[in-house]
Amino acid sequence: MFKEAINDLSELKNDGYLSFEKIEFWLLKYSSLFNKSKQKLSCSHLEFKIPCLCWNRQIDCLFFDIYVELEKLSYLKKCDFYLEKELEYYHNIKQDQIKVQEWIFKHEKIGIEEFICYDNYMLRDKMEITLNNGKALNKYIPFTIRMKMDNFKNISQFSTIFNRLFFTEKINPDRYKNWVKQSGFNENS
């Protein structure tokens, strides 16, 4: 079953890339297998919350890691949909300093905790996630998931705007000072 699921995912690739729709289809199709596999995983890496690095990798463990990585991509795409509307709102209010401050305050948590680095990261044209697929004939065989970054353009735009307003222009100076104090960031270095 695990091998069939992984092969099915490989067959969904178009020119080596997965579309968001195909990822969602695959996640839905194999959600029950994923839920069942969580309790019976042959690898103990879950207790450490790190990806499996076993040299002789079990297929259930690879399936589990692939599923988790695809769930992360699915979450990013849902964030991208949400941010599309928020960016539209921002562009309508960007001349109103008070409303922009409120917009920054509303998005401070995701701007700092989730998408602080996405403006630079998104300059690439693709996202690649490579997972250890174990060993065959003494060779490392990676399993790679590729997705085009234009699927996440709103995250990139949001991150650029948020970083400029919050960190560079310091549009909410008290909130910025609070962040500096909490994070231990040294402005002078």
N, C-alpha and C. Protein backbone atom coordinates (compact mmCIF):
# COMPACT_ATOMS: atom_id res chain seq x y z
N MET A 1 0.80 -1.20 0.00
CA MET A 1 0.00 0.00 0.00
C MET A 1 0.84 1.26 0.00
N PHE A 2 1.91 1.30 0.83
CA PHE A 2 2.75 2.50 0.89
C PHE A 2 3.47 2.73 -0.43
N LYS A 3 4.00 1.66 -0.99
CA LYS A 3 4.70 1.77 -2.27
C LYS A 3 3.75 2.24 -3.36
N GLU A 4 2.52 1.72 -3.35
CA GLU A 4 1.52 2.13 -4.33
C GLU A 4 1.21 3.62 -4.19
N ALA A 5 1.09 4.10 -2.96
CA ALA A 5 0.81 5.51 -2.72
C ALA A 5 1.95 6.40 -3.23
N ILE A 6 3.18 5.99 -2.96
CA ILE A 6 4.34 6.77 -3.42
C ILE A 6 4.44 6.75 -4.94
N ASN A 7 4.22 5.59 -5.54
CA ASN A 7 4.22 5.50 -7.01
C ASN A 7 3.11 6.35 -7.61
N ASP A 8 1.96 6.35 -6.97
CA ASP A 8 0.83 7.16 -7.42
C ASP A 8 1.21 8.65 -7.42
N LEU A 9 1.90 9.07 -6.38
CA LEU A 9 2.34 10.47 -6.31
C LEU A 9 3.32 10.78 -7.44
N SER A 10 4.25 9.89 -7.69
CA SER A 10 5.22 10.10 -8.77
C SER A 10 4.53 10.24 -10.13
N GLU A 11 3.46 9.48 -10.31
CA GLU A 11 2.72 9.54 -11.58
C GLU A 11 1.93 10.83 -11.74
N LEU A 12 1.66 11.53 -10.64
CA LEU A 12 0.91 12.79 -10.71
C LEU A 12 1.78 13.97 -11.15
N LYS A 13 3.08 13.78 -11.16
CA LYS A 13 3.99 14.87 -11.53
C LYS A 13 3.85 15.18 -13.01
N ASN A 14 3.93 16.47 -13.32
CA ASN A 14 3.89 16.95 -14.69
C ASN A 14 5.20 17.69 -14.93
N ASP A 15 6.04 17.17 -15.81
CA ASP A 15 7.38 17.73 -16.05
C ASP A 15 8.19 17.80 -14.76
N GLY A 16 7.98 16.84 -13.86
CA GLY A 16 8.72 16.79 -12.60
C GLY A 16 8.11 17.60 -11.48
N TYR A 17 7.04 18.35 -11.75
CA TYR A 17 6.42 19.22 -10.75
C TYR A 17 5.04 18.70 -10.35
N LEU A 18 4.68 19.01 -9.11
CA LEU A 18 3.34 18.70 -8.63
C LEU A 18 2.52 19.98 -8.58
N SER A 19 1.28 19.90 -8.97
CA SER A 19 0.39 21.04 -8.84
C SER A 19 -0.31 20.97 -7.49
N PHE A 20 -0.81 22.09 -7.05
CA PHE A 20 -1.52 22.14 -5.77
C PHE A 20 -2.74 21.21 -5.81
N GLU A 21 -3.45 21.20 -6.91
CA GLU A 21 -4.64 20.36 -7.03
C GLU A 21 -4.28 18.88 -6.90
N LYS A 22 -3.18 18.48 -7.48
CA LYS A 22 -2.77 17.08 -7.41
C LYS A 22 -2.30 16.72 -6.01
N ILE A 23 -1.66 17.64 -5.34
CA ILE A 23 -1.25 17.40 -3.95
C ILE A 23 -2.49 17.20 -3.07
N GLU A 24 -3.46 18.09 -3.22
CA GLU A 24 -4.68 17.97 -2.42
C GLU A 24 -5.41 16.65 -2.72
N PHE A 25 -5.45 16.26 -3.98
CA PHE A 25 -6.08 15.00 -4.37
C PHE A 25 -5.38 13.83 -3.70
N TRP A 26 -4.05 13.82 -3.75
CA TRP A 26 -3.27 12.73 -3.17
C TRP A 26 -3.43 12.68 -1.66
N LEU A 27 -3.39 13.84 -1.00
CA LEU A 27 -3.57 13.88 0.46
C LEU A 27 -4.92 13.32 0.87
N LEU A 28 -5.95 13.69 0.15
CA LEU A 28 -7.29 13.19 0.45
C LEU A 28 -7.38 11.69 0.21
N LYS A 29 -6.83 11.24 -0.90
CA LYS A 29 -6.89 9.83 -1.26
C LYS A 29 -6.19 8.94 -0.23
N TYR A 30 -5.09 9.43 0.34
CA TYR A 30 -4.30 8.60 1.24
C TYR A 30 -4.38 9.04 2.71
N SER A 31 -5.37 9.83 3.06
CA SER A 31 -5.48 10.31 4.45
C SER A 31 -5.73 9.18 5.43
N SER A 32 -6.55 8.21 5.07
CA SER A 32 -6.81 7.11 6.01
C SER A 32 -5.56 6.24 6.18
N LEU A 33 -4.82 6.02 5.11
CA LEU A 33 -3.57 5.26 5.21
C LEU A 33 -2.58 6.00 6.11
N PHE A 34 -2.51 7.31 5.96
CA PHE A 34 -1.64 8.12 6.80
C PHE A 34 -2.04 8.00 8.27
N ASN A 35 -3.32 8.15 8.55
CA ASN A 35 -3.78 8.08 9.94
C ASN A 35 -3.51 6.71 10.55
N LYS A 36 -3.68 5.66 9.78
CA LYS A 36 -3.39 4.31 10.28
C LYS A 36 -1.88 4.13 10.49
N SER A 37 -1.09 4.69 9.60
CA SER A 37 0.37 4.48 9.68
C SER A 37 1.00 5.19 10.86
N LYS A 38 0.36 6.25 11.36
CA LYS A 38 0.92 7.00 12.49
C LYS A 38 1.12 6.12 13.72
N GLN A 39 0.19 5.20 13.96
CA GLN A 39 0.28 4.37 15.14
C GLN A 39 1.26 3.21 14.99
N LYS A 40 1.57 2.82 13.77
CA LYS A 40 2.37 1.61 13.55
C LYS A 40 3.70 1.88 12.84
N LEU A 41 4.18 3.08 12.87
CA LEU A 41 5.39 3.43 12.14
C LEU A 41 6.58 2.62 12.63
N SER A 42 7.35 2.11 11.70
CA SER A 42 8.49 1.26 12.07
C SER A 42 9.69 2.07 12.57
N CYS A 43 9.70 3.34 12.32
CA CYS A 43 10.82 4.20 12.72
C CYS A 43 10.44 4.98 13.98
N SER A 44 11.39 5.20 14.85
CA SER A 44 11.12 5.91 16.10
C SER A 44 11.42 7.40 16.01
N HIS A 45 11.68 7.92 14.82
CA HIS A 45 12.07 9.33 14.71
C HIS A 45 10.97 10.29 15.14
N LEU A 46 9.73 9.84 15.14
CA LEU A 46 8.61 10.72 15.50
C LEU A 46 8.73 11.27 16.91
N GLU A 47 9.25 10.48 17.84
CA GLU A 47 9.36 10.96 19.20
C GLU A 47 10.33 12.13 19.31
N PHE A 48 11.22 12.28 18.33
CA PHE A 48 12.17 13.40 18.32
C PHE A 48 11.73 14.54 17.41
N LYS A 49 10.61 14.35 16.70
CA LYS A 49 10.06 15.35 15.79
C LYS A 49 11.06 15.82 14.73
N ILE A 50 11.81 14.88 14.17
CA ILE A 50 12.74 15.18 13.09
C ILE A 50 12.46 14.22 11.94
N PRO A 51 12.85 14.59 10.73
CA PRO A 51 12.67 13.65 9.62
C PRO A 51 13.53 12.41 9.83
N CYS A 52 13.08 11.32 9.27
CA CYS A 52 13.81 10.06 9.39
C CYS A 52 15.13 10.15 8.62
N LEU A 53 16.19 9.70 9.27
CA LEU A 53 17.51 9.68 8.63
C LEU A 53 18.07 8.27 8.57
N CYS A 54 17.20 7.30 8.75
CA CYS A 54 17.64 5.90 8.74
C CYS A 54 18.25 5.55 7.37
N TRP A 55 19.37 4.86 7.40
CA TRP A 55 20.03 4.49 6.15
C TRP A 55 19.24 3.41 5.42
N ASN A 56 18.77 2.41 6.15
CA ASN A 56 17.92 1.37 5.56
C ASN A 56 16.47 1.73 5.88
N ARG A 57 15.93 2.56 5.06
CA ARG A 57 14.63 3.18 5.30
C ARG A 57 13.48 2.23 5.00
N GLN A 58 12.49 2.26 5.87
CA GLN A 58 11.28 1.48 5.66
C GLN A 58 10.30 2.31 4.82
N ILE A 59 9.54 1.65 3.99
CA ILE A 59 8.64 2.34 3.06
C ILE A 59 7.53 3.09 3.80
N ASP A 60 7.07 2.57 4.94
CA ASP A 60 6.02 3.27 5.69
C ASP A 60 6.53 4.61 6.22
N CYS A 61 7.79 4.63 6.61
CA CYS A 61 8.40 5.85 7.13
C CYS A 61 8.55 6.90 6.02
N LEU A 62 8.97 6.47 4.84
CA LEU A 62 9.08 7.39 3.71
C LEU A 62 7.70 7.95 3.36
N PHE A 63 6.70 7.09 3.29
CA PHE A 63 5.34 7.55 3.01
C PHE A 63 4.92 8.61 4.03
N PHE A 64 5.18 8.33 5.31
CA PHE A 64 4.80 9.26 6.37
C PHE A 64 5.46 10.62 6.18
N ASP A 65 6.75 10.63 5.92
CA ASP A 65 7.47 11.91 5.72
C ASP A 65 6.96 12.65 4.48
N ILE A 66 6.69 11.93 3.40
CA ILE A 66 6.15 12.57 2.20
C ILE A 66 4.80 13.22 2.52
N TYR A 67 3.95 12.49 3.22
CA TYR A 67 2.63 13.01 3.55
C TYR A 67 2.74 14.29 4.39
N VAL A 68 3.61 14.25 5.40
CA VAL A 68 3.79 15.42 6.27
C VAL A 68 4.29 16.63 5.46
N GLU A 69 5.25 16.42 4.57
CA GLU A 69 5.77 17.52 3.76
C GLU A 69 4.69 18.08 2.82
N LEU A 70 3.88 17.20 2.26
CA LEU A 70 2.80 17.67 1.39
C LEU A 70 1.73 18.42 2.17
N GLU A 71 1.49 18.00 3.41
CA GLU A 71 0.56 18.75 4.26
C GLU A 71 1.08 20.17 4.50
N LYS A 72 2.39 20.31 4.68
CA LYS A 72 2.97 21.64 4.87
C LYS A 72 2.76 22.51 3.63
N LEU A 73 2.96 21.91 2.46
CA LEU A 73 2.73 22.66 1.21
C LEU A 73 1.26 23.04 1.08
N SER A 74 0.38 22.14 1.45
CA SER A 74 -1.06 22.42 1.40
C SER A 74 -1.40 23.59 2.32
N TYR A 75 -0.81 23.59 3.51
CA TYR A 75 -1.03 24.69 4.45
C TYR A 75 -0.53 26.02 3.85
N LEU A 76 0.65 25.99 3.23
CA LEU A 76 1.17 27.20 2.61
C LEU A 76 0.24 27.72 1.52
N LYS A 77 -0.32 26.82 0.74
CA LYS A 77 -1.21 27.24 -0.33
C LYS A 77 -2.48 27.86 0.25
N LYS A 78 -2.99 27.31 1.34
CA LYS A 78 -4.18 27.88 1.98
C LYS A 78 -3.86 29.27 2.53
N CYS A 79 -2.66 29.43 3.09
CA CYS A 79 -2.22 30.75 3.54
C CYS A 79 -2.14 31.71 2.37
N ASP A 80 -1.66 31.23 1.25
CA ASP A 80 -1.54 32.06 0.05
C ASP A 80 -2.91 32.57 -0.39
N PHE A 81 -3.92 31.70 -0.36
CA PHE A 81 -5.29 32.13 -0.70
C PHE A 81 -5.77 33.20 0.25
N TYR A 82 -5.56 32.99 1.55
CA TYR A 82 -5.97 33.96 2.56
C TYR A 82 -5.25 35.30 2.34
N LEU A 83 -3.94 35.24 2.11
CA LEU A 83 -3.17 36.47 1.96
C LEU A 83 -3.52 37.23 0.68
N GLU A 84 -4.03 36.56 -0.31
CA GLU A 84 -4.47 37.25 -1.52
C GLU A 84 -5.52 38.30 -1.17
N LYS A 85 -6.49 37.93 -0.34
CA LYS A 85 -7.54 38.87 0.08
C LYS A 85 -6.99 39.96 0.99
N GLU A 86 -6.07 39.57 1.86
CA GLU A 86 -5.49 40.54 2.78
C GLU A 86 -4.61 41.56 2.03
N LEU A 87 -3.94 41.13 1.00
CA LEU A 87 -3.14 42.05 0.19
C LEU A 87 -4.02 43.00 -0.60
N GLU A 88 -5.12 42.49 -1.09
CA GLU A 88 -6.08 43.35 -1.80
C GLU A 88 -6.57 44.44 -0.86
N TYR A 89 -6.90 44.07 0.37
CA TYR A 89 -7.33 45.05 1.36
C TYR A 89 -6.20 46.04 1.65
N TYR A 90 -5.00 45.55 1.82
CA TYR A 90 -3.86 46.43 2.09
C TYR A 90 -3.70 47.47 0.98
N HIS A 91 -3.77 47.04 -0.26
CA HIS A 91 -3.59 47.98 -1.38
C HIS A 91 -4.69 49.04 -1.41
N ASN A 92 -5.85 48.73 -0.87
CA ASN A 92 -6.93 49.72 -0.79
C ASN A 92 -6.73 50.71 0.36
N ILE A 93 -5.99 50.34 1.38
CA ILE A 93 -5.83 51.21 2.57
C ILE A 93 -4.42 51.77 2.73
N LYS A 94 -3.52 51.46 1.84
CA LYS A 94 -2.11 51.78 2.07
C LYS A 94 -1.80 53.27 2.22
N GLN A 95 -2.72 54.14 1.85
CA GLN A 95 -2.51 55.58 2.03
C GLN A 95 -2.97 56.07 3.40
N ASP A 96 -3.63 55.21 4.15
CA ASP A 96 -4.15 55.56 5.47
C ASP A 96 -3.24 54.95 6.55
N GLN A 97 -2.42 55.78 7.16
CA GLN A 97 -1.41 55.33 8.13
C GLN A 97 -2.03 54.54 9.27
N ILE A 98 -3.13 54.98 9.80
CA ILE A 98 -3.78 54.30 10.93
C ILE A 98 -4.25 52.91 10.52
N LYS A 99 -4.89 52.80 9.37
CA LYS A 99 -5.37 51.49 8.90
C LYS A 99 -4.21 50.55 8.57
N VAL A 100 -3.12 51.10 8.07
CA VAL A 100 -1.94 50.27 7.79
C VAL A 100 -1.36 49.75 9.10
N GLN A 101 -1.30 50.59 10.12
CA GLN A 101 -0.83 50.14 11.42
C GLN A 101 -1.72 49.02 11.97
N GLU A 102 -3.02 49.17 11.80
CA GLU A 102 -3.96 48.13 12.25
C GLU A 102 -3.74 46.84 11.45
N TRP A 103 -3.50 46.98 10.15
CA TRP A 103 -3.26 45.83 9.28
C TRP A 103 -1.99 45.09 9.73
N ILE A 104 -0.94 45.85 10.01
CA ILE A 104 0.31 45.25 10.49
C ILE A 104 0.08 44.54 11.82
N PHE A 105 -0.64 45.19 12.73
CA PHE A 105 -0.91 44.59 14.03
C PHE A 105 -1.68 43.27 13.87
N LYS A 106 -2.67 43.28 13.00
CA LYS A 106 -3.48 42.08 12.75
C LYS A 106 -2.62 40.92 12.24
N HIS A 107 -1.59 41.23 11.45
CA HIS A 107 -0.79 40.19 10.81
C HIS A 107 0.59 40.01 11.44
N GLU A 108 0.80 40.61 12.58
CA GLU A 108 2.12 40.55 13.22
C GLU A 108 2.55 39.11 13.51
N LYS A 109 1.67 38.31 14.03
CA LYS A 109 2.02 36.94 14.40
C LYS A 109 2.46 36.13 13.18
N ILE A 110 1.68 36.13 12.10
CA ILE A 110 2.08 35.34 10.93
C ILE A 110 3.24 36.00 10.19
N GLY A 111 3.30 37.32 10.24
CA GLY A 111 4.39 38.02 9.57
C GLY A 111 5.75 37.73 10.19
N ILE A 112 5.77 37.62 11.50
CA ILE A 112 7.03 37.37 12.21
C ILE A 112 7.30 35.87 12.38
N GLU A 113 6.29 35.12 12.78
CA GLU A 113 6.52 33.72 13.12
C GLU A 113 6.52 32.77 11.93
N GLU A 114 5.77 33.10 10.89
CA GLU A 114 5.64 32.14 9.79
C GLU A 114 6.30 32.58 8.49
N PHE A 115 6.19 33.85 8.15
CA PHE A 115 6.61 34.26 6.81
C PHE A 115 7.69 35.33 6.79
N ILE A 116 8.48 35.42 7.84
CA ILE A 116 9.49 36.47 7.94
C ILE A 116 10.54 36.39 6.82
N CYS A 117 10.88 35.21 6.36
CA CYS A 117 11.95 35.05 5.37
C CYS A 117 11.45 34.70 3.98
N TYR A 118 10.18 34.69 3.77
CA TYR A 118 9.68 34.21 2.49
C TYR A 118 9.93 35.16 1.33
N ASP A 119 10.16 36.43 1.59
CA ASP A 119 10.41 37.31 0.46
C ASP A 119 11.71 36.94 -0.24
N ASN A 120 12.75 36.60 0.51
CA ASN A 120 14.01 36.19 -0.11
C ASN A 120 13.92 34.76 -0.64
N TYR A 121 13.29 33.89 0.12
CA TYR A 121 13.18 32.49 -0.28
C TYR A 121 12.40 32.36 -1.58
N MET A 122 11.40 33.19 -1.75
CA MET A 122 10.52 33.06 -2.91
C MET A 122 11.15 33.60 -4.20
N LEU A 123 12.33 34.15 -4.11
CA LEU A 123 12.98 34.62 -5.32
C LEU A 123 13.32 33.46 -6.25
N ARG A 124 13.38 32.27 -5.70
CA ARG A 124 13.63 31.09 -6.52
C ARG A 124 12.37 30.78 -7.33
N ASP A 125 12.54 30.03 -8.40
CA ASP A 125 11.37 29.71 -9.22
C ASP A 125 10.72 28.39 -8.86
N LYS A 126 11.35 27.63 -7.97
CA LYS A 126 10.77 26.34 -7.59
C LYS A 126 11.14 26.00 -6.15
N MET A 127 10.32 25.14 -5.56
CA MET A 127 10.58 24.63 -4.23
C MET A 127 10.89 23.15 -4.39
N GLU A 128 11.95 22.71 -3.77
CA GLU A 128 12.30 21.30 -3.80
C GLU A 128 12.44 20.79 -2.38
N ILE A 129 11.80 19.67 -2.14
CA ILE A 129 11.93 18.99 -0.86
C ILE A 129 12.47 17.61 -1.19
N THR A 130 13.64 17.30 -0.69
CA THR A 130 14.25 16.01 -0.97
C THR A 130 14.28 15.19 0.31
N LEU A 131 13.75 13.99 0.20
CA LEU A 131 13.68 13.09 1.35
C LEU A 131 14.56 11.88 1.11
N ASN A 132 15.15 11.39 2.16
CA ASN A 132 15.98 10.20 2.10
C ASN A 132 15.10 9.00 1.78
N ASN A 133 15.40 8.33 0.69
CA ASN A 133 14.63 7.16 0.27
C ASN A 133 15.37 5.87 0.60
N GLY A 134 16.35 5.94 1.47
CA GLY A 134 17.07 4.74 1.88
C GLY A 134 18.21 4.40 0.96
N LYS A 135 18.58 3.14 0.96
CA LYS A 135 19.76 2.70 0.24
C LYS A 135 19.38 1.55 -0.68
N ALA A 136 19.90 1.62 -1.88
CA ALA A 136 19.72 0.52 -2.82
C ALA A 136 21.05 0.34 -3.55
N LEU A 137 21.59 -0.83 -3.49
CA LEU A 137 22.88 -1.11 -4.14
C LEU A 137 23.95 -0.11 -3.71
N ASN A 138 23.97 0.18 -2.41
CA ASN A 138 24.95 1.09 -1.82
C ASN A 138 24.90 2.51 -2.37
N LYS A 139 23.77 2.92 -2.89
CA LYS A 139 23.61 4.29 -3.38
C LYS A 139 22.44 4.96 -2.66
N TYR A 140 22.63 6.23 -2.35
CA TYR A 140 21.58 7.04 -1.76
C TYR A 140 20.60 7.39 -2.88
N ILE A 141 19.33 7.16 -2.64
CA ILE A 141 18.31 7.47 -3.66
C ILE A 141 17.34 8.49 -3.07
N PRO A 142 17.36 9.72 -3.55
CA PRO A 142 16.45 10.72 -2.99
C PRO A 142 15.05 10.63 -3.60
N PHE A 143 14.07 11.03 -2.84
CA PHE A 143 12.71 11.21 -3.37
C PHE A 143 12.47 12.70 -3.31
N THR A 144 12.25 13.33 -4.46
CA THR A 144 12.14 14.78 -4.53
C THR A 144 10.72 15.21 -4.89
N ILE A 145 10.25 16.21 -4.16
CA ILE A 145 8.96 16.84 -4.43
C ILE A 145 9.27 18.24 -4.95
N ARG A 146 8.75 18.56 -6.12
CA ARG A 146 8.98 19.89 -6.72
C ARG A 146 7.65 20.59 -6.94
N MET A 147 7.65 21.89 -6.63
CA MET A 147 6.46 22.71 -6.86
C MET A 147 6.92 24.07 -7.32
N LYS A 148 6.23 24.63 -8.30
CA LYS A 148 6.59 25.96 -8.80
C LYS A 148 6.20 27.02 -7.78
N MET A 149 7.09 27.99 -7.60
CA MET A 149 6.89 28.99 -6.57
C MET A 149 5.81 30.00 -6.90
N ASP A 150 5.40 30.10 -8.15
CA ASP A 150 4.32 31.04 -8.45
C ASP A 150 3.02 30.61 -7.77
N ASN A 151 2.99 29.40 -7.22
CA ASN A 151 1.84 28.97 -6.42
C ASN A 151 1.76 29.73 -5.09
N PHE A 152 2.85 30.40 -4.70
CA PHE A 152 2.92 31.06 -3.41
C PHE A 152 3.26 32.55 -3.55
N LYS A 153 2.86 33.16 -4.63
CA LYS A 153 3.26 34.55 -4.88
C LYS A 153 2.68 35.53 -3.86
N ASN A 154 1.52 35.25 -3.29
CA ASN A 154 0.93 36.16 -2.31
C ASN A 154 1.70 36.11 -0.99
N ILE A 155 2.22 34.94 -0.63
CA ILE A 155 3.05 34.85 0.58
C ILE A 155 4.30 35.70 0.39
N SER A 156 4.90 35.60 -0.78
CA SER A 156 6.10 36.37 -1.06
C SER A 156 5.82 37.88 -1.01
N GLN A 157 4.73 38.28 -1.63
CA GLN A 157 4.38 39.71 -1.64
C GLN A 157 4.04 40.19 -0.23
N PHE A 158 3.28 39.39 0.51
CA PHE A 158 2.95 39.74 1.89
C PHE A 158 4.22 39.90 2.72
N SER A 159 5.12 38.95 2.61
CA SER A 159 6.35 38.98 3.39
C SER A 159 7.17 40.23 3.08
N THR A 160 7.27 40.57 1.82
CA THR A 160 8.02 41.76 1.41
C THR A 160 7.40 43.02 2.01
N ILE A 161 6.08 43.15 1.90
CA ILE A 161 5.39 44.33 2.43
C ILE A 161 5.48 44.37 3.95
N PHE A 162 5.19 43.24 4.58
CA PHE A 162 5.23 43.20 6.05
C PHE A 162 6.62 43.53 6.57
N ASN A 163 7.65 42.92 6.01
CA ASN A 163 9.02 43.16 6.47
C ASN A 163 9.41 44.62 6.29
N ARG A 164 9.03 45.20 5.16
CA ARG A 164 9.36 46.62 4.92
C ARG A 164 8.67 47.50 5.95
N LEU A 165 7.37 47.29 6.17
CA LEU A 165 6.61 48.14 7.09
C LEU A 165 7.01 47.93 8.55
N PHE A 166 7.16 46.69 8.95
CA PHE A 166 7.42 46.40 10.36
C PHE A 166 8.88 46.59 10.74
N PHE A 167 9.80 46.05 9.94
CA PHE A 167 11.20 46.05 10.31
C PHE A 167 11.99 47.25 9.78
N THR A 168 11.69 47.70 8.58
CA THR A 168 12.46 48.80 8.00
C THR A 168 11.85 50.16 8.36
N GLU A 169 10.56 50.32 8.06
CA GLU A 169 9.91 51.61 8.34
C GLU A 169 9.46 51.73 9.79
N LYS A 170 9.38 50.60 10.48
CA LYS A 170 8.96 50.56 11.89
C LYS A 170 7.65 51.34 12.09
N ILE A 171 6.66 50.98 11.27
CA ILE A 171 5.38 51.70 11.25
C ILE A 171 4.65 51.63 12.60
N ASN A 172 4.88 50.59 13.36
CA ASN A 172 4.36 50.47 14.73
C ASN A 172 5.57 50.43 15.67
N PRO A 173 6.14 51.60 15.99
CA PRO A 173 7.40 51.63 16.73
C PRO A 173 7.35 50.91 18.08
N ASP A 174 6.25 51.02 18.80
CA ASP A 174 6.16 50.34 20.10
C ASP A 174 6.15 48.82 19.92
N ARG A 175 5.42 48.34 18.92
CA ARG A 175 5.37 46.89 18.64
C ARG A 175 6.75 46.41 18.19
N TYR A 176 7.45 47.22 17.39
CA TYR A 176 8.80 46.87 16.94
C TYR A 176 9.75 46.78 18.14
N LYS A 177 9.71 47.79 19.02
CA LYS A 177 10.58 47.78 20.21
C LYS A 177 10.29 46.57 21.07
N ASN A 178 9.03 46.22 21.21
CA ASN A 178 8.64 45.04 21.98
C ASN A 178 9.21 43.77 21.34
N TRP A 179 9.14 43.69 20.01
CA TRP A 179 9.71 42.54 19.30
C TRP A 179 11.22 42.46 19.52
N VAL A 180 11.92 43.59 19.44
CA VAL A 180 13.38 43.62 19.65
C VAL A 180 13.70 43.10 21.05
N LYS A 181 12.95 43.57 22.03
CA LYS A 181 13.18 43.16 23.41
C LYS A 181 12.92 41.66 23.59
N GLN A 182 11.81 41.16 23.05
CA GLN A 182 11.46 39.74 23.20
C GLN A 182 12.39 38.82 22.44
N SER A 183 12.80 39.24 21.25
CA SER A 183 13.62 38.37 20.40
C SER A 183 15.11 38.42 20.75
N GLY A 184 15.52 39.49 21.43
CA GLY A 184 16.93 39.63 21.73
C GLY A 184 17.73 40.14 20.54
N PHE A 185 17.03 40.62 19.52
CA PHE A 185 17.67 41.15 18.31
C PHE A 185 18.52 42.36 18.66
N ASN A 186 19.74 42.40 18.15
CA ASN A 186 20.64 43.53 18.40
C ASN A 186 20.65 44.40 17.16
N GLU A 187 20.03 45.56 17.25
CA GLU A 187 19.93 46.47 16.09
C GLU A 187 21.29 47.02 15.65
N ASN A 188 22.25 47.01 16.53
CA ASN A 188 23.55 47.61 16.23
C ASN A 188 24.52 46.66 15.55
N SER A 189 24.15 45.39 15.43
CA SER A 189 25.11 44.45 14.83
C SER A 189 24.91 44.31 13.35
